C-alpha atoms as a PDB file:
ATOM      1  CA  MET A   1     -51.967 -15.865   7.533  1.00  0.00           C
ATOM      2  CA  ARG A   2     -48.992 -14.010   8.981  1.00  0.00           C
ATOM      3  CA  ASP A   3     -46.784 -15.551  11.645  1.00  0.00           C
ATOM      4  CA  ILE A   4     -47.254 -14.226  15.160  1.00  0.00           C
ATOM      5  CA  LEU A   5     -44.065 -12.508  16.262  1.00  0.00           C
ATOM      6  CA  TYR A   6     -42.826 -12.605  19.837  1.00  0.00           C
ATOM      7  CA  LEU A   7     -40.074 -10.482  21.303  1.00  0.00           C
ATOM      8  CA  GLU A   8     -37.559 -13.265  20.591  1.00  0.00           C
ATOM      9  CA  ASP A   9     -38.449 -13.146  16.877  1.00  0.00           C
ATOM     10  CA  LEU A  10     -37.579  -9.463  16.483  1.00  0.00           C
ATOM     11  CA  LYS A  11     -34.108  -8.216  15.579  1.00  0.00           C
ATOM     12  CA  PRO A  12     -32.760  -4.725  14.854  1.00  0.00           C
ATOM     13  CA  GLY A  13     -32.721  -4.126  11.102  1.00  0.00           C
ATOM     14  CA  GLN A  14     -35.734  -6.379  10.444  1.00  0.00           C
ATOM     15  CA  ARG A  15     -38.066  -4.742   7.901  1.00  0.00           C
ATOM     16  CA  PHE A  16     -41.758  -4.945   7.119  1.00  0.00           C
ATOM     17  CA  LYS A  17     -43.930  -3.531   4.328  1.00  0.00           C
ATOM     18  CA  THR A  18     -47.719  -3.295   4.400  1.00  0.00           C
ATOM     19  CA  ALA A  19     -50.380  -3.490   1.733  1.00  0.00           C
ATOM     20  CA  SER A  20     -51.649  -0.175   0.331  1.00  0.00           C
ATOM     21  CA  HIS A  21     -54.648   2.089   0.911  1.00  0.00           C
ATOM     22  CA  PRO A  22     -56.041   4.470  -1.735  1.00  0.00           C
ATOM     23  CA  LEU A  23     -57.328   7.712  -0.233  1.00  0.00           C
ATOM     24  CA  SER A  24     -60.316   9.514  -1.739  1.00  0.00           C
ATOM     25  CA  GLU A  25     -61.478  13.101  -1.331  1.00  0.00           C
ATOM     26  CA  ASP A  26     -64.742  11.869   0.206  1.00  0.00           C
ATOM     27  CA  GLU A  27     -62.843   9.820   2.799  1.00  0.00           C
ATOM     28  CA  ILE A  28     -60.659  12.821   3.705  1.00  0.00           C
ATOM     29  CA  LYS A  29     -63.682  15.088   4.152  1.00  0.00           C
ATOM     30  CA  ALA A  30     -65.668  12.488   6.128  1.00  0.00           C
ATOM     31  CA  PHE A  31     -62.838  11.859   8.600  1.00  0.00           C
ATOM     32  CA  ALA A  32     -62.275  15.596   8.993  1.00  0.00           C
ATOM     33  CA  ARG A  33     -65.955  16.349   9.580  1.00  0.00           C
ATOM     34  CA  ASP A  34     -65.938  13.871  12.460  1.00  0.00           C
ATOM     35  CA  TYR A  35     -62.491  14.450  13.983  1.00  0.00           C
ATOM     36  CA  ASP A  36     -60.615  17.484  12.598  1.00  0.00           C
ATOM     37  CA  PRO A  37     -63.140  19.897  11.044  1.00  0.00           C
ATOM     38  CA  GLN A  38     -60.782  22.503   9.631  1.00  0.00           C
ATOM     39  CA  VAL A  39     -61.513  23.977   6.189  1.00  0.00           C
ATOM     40  CA  PHE A  40     -58.285  22.708   4.607  1.00  0.00           C
ATOM     41  CA  HIS A  41     -59.570  19.178   5.360  1.00  0.00           C
ATOM     42  CA  THR A  42     -63.261  19.703   4.550  1.00  0.00           C
ATOM     43  CA  ASP A  43     -63.632  22.352   1.845  1.00  0.00           C
ATOM     44  CA  PRO A  44     -61.584  21.982  -1.374  1.00  0.00           C
ATOM     45  CA  GLU A  45     -62.237  25.585  -2.440  1.00  0.00           C
ATOM     46  CA  ALA A  46     -61.273  27.145   0.903  1.00  0.00           C
ATOM     47  CA  ALA A  47     -58.282  24.769   1.099  1.00  0.00           C
ATOM     48  CA  LYS A  48     -56.824  26.366  -2.059  1.00  0.00           C
ATOM     49  CA  HIS A  49     -56.274  29.561  -0.016  1.00  0.00           C
ATOM     50  CA  SER A  50     -54.771  27.810   3.008  1.00  0.00           C
ATOM     51  CA  PHE A  51     -51.219  26.916   3.982  1.00  0.00           C
ATOM     52  CA  PHE A  52     -51.696  23.593   2.136  1.00  0.00           C
ATOM     53  CA  GLY A  53     -52.787  25.132  -1.179  1.00  0.00           C
ATOM     54  CA  GLY A  54     -55.417  22.430  -1.600  1.00  0.00           C
ATOM     55  CA  LEU A  55     -57.346  19.756   0.219  1.00  0.00           C
ATOM     56  CA  ALA A  56     -55.147  17.760   2.615  1.00  0.00           C
ATOM     57  CA  ALA A  57     -55.953  14.864   4.896  1.00  0.00           C
ATOM     58  CA  SER A  58     -55.717  15.461   8.613  1.00  0.00           C
ATOM     59  CA  GLY A  59     -52.461  14.157  10.047  1.00  0.00           C
ATOM     60  CA  TRP A  60     -54.605  12.163  12.450  1.00  0.00           C
ATOM     61  CA  HIS A  61     -56.321  10.550   9.462  1.00  0.00           C
ATOM     62  CA  THR A  62     -52.937   9.581   8.051  1.00  0.00           C
ATOM     63  CA  ALA A  63     -52.013   8.174  11.470  1.00  0.00           C
ATOM     64  CA  ALA A  64     -55.263   6.169  11.607  1.00  0.00           C
ATOM     65  CA  ILE A  65     -54.673   4.731   8.122  1.00  0.00           C
ATOM     66  CA  THR A  66     -51.102   3.882   9.136  1.00  0.00           C
ATOM     67  CA  MET A  67     -52.394   2.015  12.177  1.00  0.00           C
ATOM     68  CA  ARG A  68     -54.941   0.104  10.106  1.00  0.00           C
ATOM     69  CA  LEU A  69     -52.317  -0.890   7.543  1.00  0.00           C
ATOM     70  CA  GLN A  70     -49.938  -2.038  10.285  1.00  0.00           C
ATOM     71  CA  VAL A  71     -52.632  -4.107  12.015  1.00  0.00           C
ATOM     72  CA  ASP A  72     -53.934  -5.649   8.778  1.00  0.00           C
ATOM     73  CA  SER A  73     -50.666  -6.362   6.973  1.00  0.00           C
ATOM     74  CA  GLY A  74     -47.680  -5.231   9.046  1.00  0.00           C
ATOM     75  CA  PRO A  75     -45.842  -7.241  11.685  1.00  0.00           C
ATOM     76  CA  GLN A  76     -48.316  -9.376  13.643  1.00  0.00           C
ATOM     77  CA  LEU A  77     -47.078  -8.899  17.176  1.00  0.00           C
ATOM     78  CA  ALA A  78     -48.163 -11.310  19.899  1.00  0.00           C
ATOM     79  CA  GLY A  79     -50.987  -9.647  21.831  1.00  0.00           C
ATOM     80  CA  GLY A  80     -51.427  -6.870  19.248  1.00  0.00           C
ATOM     81  CA  MET A  81     -49.724  -3.554  18.534  1.00  0.00           C
ATOM     82  CA  ILE A  82     -49.668  -2.063  22.003  1.00  0.00           C
ATOM     83  CA  GLY A  83     -48.076   1.354  21.979  1.00  0.00           C
ATOM     84  CA  ALA A  84     -46.154   2.590  25.010  1.00  0.00           C
ATOM     85  CA  LYS A  85     -44.823   5.763  23.376  1.00  0.00           C
ATOM     86  CA  VAL A  86     -44.918   7.353  19.934  1.00  0.00           C
ATOM     87  CA  GLU A  87     -43.290  10.247  18.102  1.00  0.00           C
ATOM     88  CA  LEU A  88     -45.063  11.494  14.961  1.00  0.00           C
ATOM     89  CA  SER A  89     -44.287  13.985  12.242  1.00  0.00           C
ATOM     90  CA  TRP A  90     -45.920  14.826   8.928  1.00  0.00           C
ATOM     91  CA  PRO A  91     -43.274  16.141   6.505  1.00  0.00           C
ATOM     92  CA  ARG A  92     -45.753  16.625   3.639  1.00  0.00           C
ATOM     93  CA  PRO A  93     -49.528  16.567   3.274  1.00  0.00           C
ATOM     94  CA  THR A  94     -51.524  13.531   2.268  1.00  0.00           C
ATOM     95  CA  ARG A  95     -53.756  14.368  -0.700  1.00  0.00           C
ATOM     96  CA  PRO A  96     -56.857  12.932  -2.369  1.00  0.00           C
ATOM     97  CA  GLY A  97     -55.783  10.185  -4.758  1.00  0.00           C
ATOM     98  CA  ASP A  98     -52.703   9.252  -2.744  1.00  0.00           C
ATOM     99  CA  ILE A  99     -52.101   5.540  -2.319  1.00  0.00           C
ATOM    100  CA  LEU A 100     -50.449   4.940   1.030  1.00  0.00           C
ATOM    101  CA  HIS A 101     -48.364   2.080   2.358  1.00  0.00           C
ATOM    102  CA  VAL A 102     -46.084   1.695   5.374  1.00  0.00           C
ATOM    103  CA  GLU A 103     -42.477   0.554   5.532  1.00  0.00           C
ATOM    104  CA  SER A 104     -41.106  -0.218   8.990  1.00  0.00           C
ATOM    105  CA  GLU A 105     -37.837  -1.238  10.581  1.00  0.00           C
ATOM    106  CA  ILE A 106     -37.063  -2.604  14.032  1.00  0.00           C
ATOM    107  CA  LEU A 107     -34.515  -0.283  15.645  1.00  0.00           C
ATOM    108  CA  GLU A 108     -34.170  -1.846  19.091  1.00  0.00           C
ATOM    109  CA  VAL A 109     -35.431  -4.818  21.097  1.00  0.00           C
ATOM    110  CA  LYS A 110     -35.237  -4.733  24.902  1.00  0.00           C
ATOM    111  CA  PRO A 111     -36.557  -7.338  27.337  1.00  0.00           C
ATOM    112  CA  SER A 112     -38.205  -5.855  30.422  1.00  0.00           C
ATOM    113  CA  ARG A 113     -36.031  -6.001  33.526  1.00  0.00           C
ATOM    114  CA  SER A 114     -38.954  -6.135  35.932  1.00  0.00           C
ATOM    115  CA  LYS A 115     -41.475  -8.223  33.959  1.00  0.00           C
ATOM    116  CA  PRO A 116     -39.929 -11.276  32.298  1.00  0.00           C
ATOM    117  CA  ASP A 117     -43.028 -12.053  30.195  1.00  0.00           C
ATOM    118  CA  ARG A 118     -42.562  -8.970  27.970  1.00  0.00           C
ATOM    119  CA  GLY A 119     -40.291  -6.385  26.488  1.00  0.00           C
ATOM    120  CA  PHE A 120     -40.266  -3.433  24.134  1.00  0.00           C
ATOM    121  CA  ALA A 121     -39.467  -3.047  20.466  1.00  0.00           C
ATOM    122  CA  THR A 122     -38.742   0.314  18.880  1.00  0.00           C
ATOM    123  CA  LEU A 123     -40.326   0.448  15.420  1.00  0.00           C
ATOM    124  CA  LYS A 124     -39.561   3.242  12.952  1.00  0.00           C
ATOM    125  CA  SER A 125     -42.295   3.523  10.323  1.00  0.00           C
ATOM    126  CA  GLN A 126     -42.586   5.636   7.212  1.00  0.00           C
ATOM    127  CA  THR A 127     -45.958   6.096   5.553  1.00  0.00           C
ATOM    128  CA  LEU A 128     -45.331   6.738   1.869  1.00  0.00           C
ATOM    129  CA  ASN A 129     -47.505   7.769  -1.050  1.00  0.00           C
ATOM    130  CA  GLN A 130     -47.433   6.246  -4.539  1.00  0.00           C
ATOM    131  CA  ARG A 131     -44.467   8.471  -5.495  1.00  0.00           C
ATOM    132  CA  GLY A 132     -42.385   7.198  -2.579  1.00  0.00           C
ATOM    133  CA  GLU A 133     -42.756  10.514  -0.739  1.00  0.00           C
ATOM    134  CA  VAL A 134     -42.901  10.271   3.048  1.00  0.00           C
ATOM    135  CA  VAL A 135     -46.161  11.700   4.387  1.00  0.00           C
ATOM    136  CA  GLN A 136     -45.694  10.492   7.962  1.00  0.00           C
ATOM    137  CA  LEU A 137     -42.740   9.481  10.114  1.00  0.00           C
ATOM    138  CA  GLN A 138     -43.436   7.514  13.256  1.00  0.00           C
ATOM    139  CA  THR A 139     -41.178   6.017  15.881  1.00  0.00           C
ATOM    140  CA  SER A 140     -43.005   3.813  18.364  1.00  0.00           C
ATOM    141  CA  SER A 141     -42.068   1.916  21.465  1.00  0.00           C
ATOM    142  CA  LEU A 142     -44.287  -1.176  21.412  1.00  0.00           C
ATOM    143  CA  LEU A 143     -44.953  -3.650  24.194  1.00  0.00           C
ATOM    144  CA  VAL A 144     -44.265  -7.139  22.832  1.00  0.00           C
ATOM    145  CA  TRP A 145     -44.893 -10.389  24.698  1.00  0.00           C
ATOM    146  CA  ARG A 146     -42.249 -13.077  25.089  1.00  0.00           C
ATOM    147  CA  ARG A 147     -42.946 -16.733  24.401  1.00  0.00           C
ATOM    148  CA  LYS A 148     -44.192 -18.648  27.395  1.00  0.00           C
ATOM    149  CA  GLU A 149     -41.623 -21.181  28.564  1.00  0.00           C
ATOM    150  CA  GLY A 150     -42.584 -24.809  28.777  1.00  0.00           C
END
């Protein structure tokens, strides 16, 4: 079991690494059929003639896997991973057979001025494949609870 982390436990420079998730062609196509039904996500043959030059996972699929990895094996924040703001980019496609994991770093920790029971942590996360290539960059402002006094 992972320790629950409160705002007071977080420090800039603190790092976290998740477990991994292997990604299959069937999983890519199933997610895309439900949420992003474009041919470069659903049809391997048509994808060969697309910008991606082959089947690629939806960026939203990569983001969903990233979230699952963070929740299951990343920092266990008190009250959950509650996003206030996020910036996402996908510098390269995620492909069938990729094995993804997430490496994160706390960039900033700020107590709330108006609500003393909470604050915000800025978390920079890189989702990497098995070759160490970044497939997603994410910077999130997360609401994090403070320890109750007394």
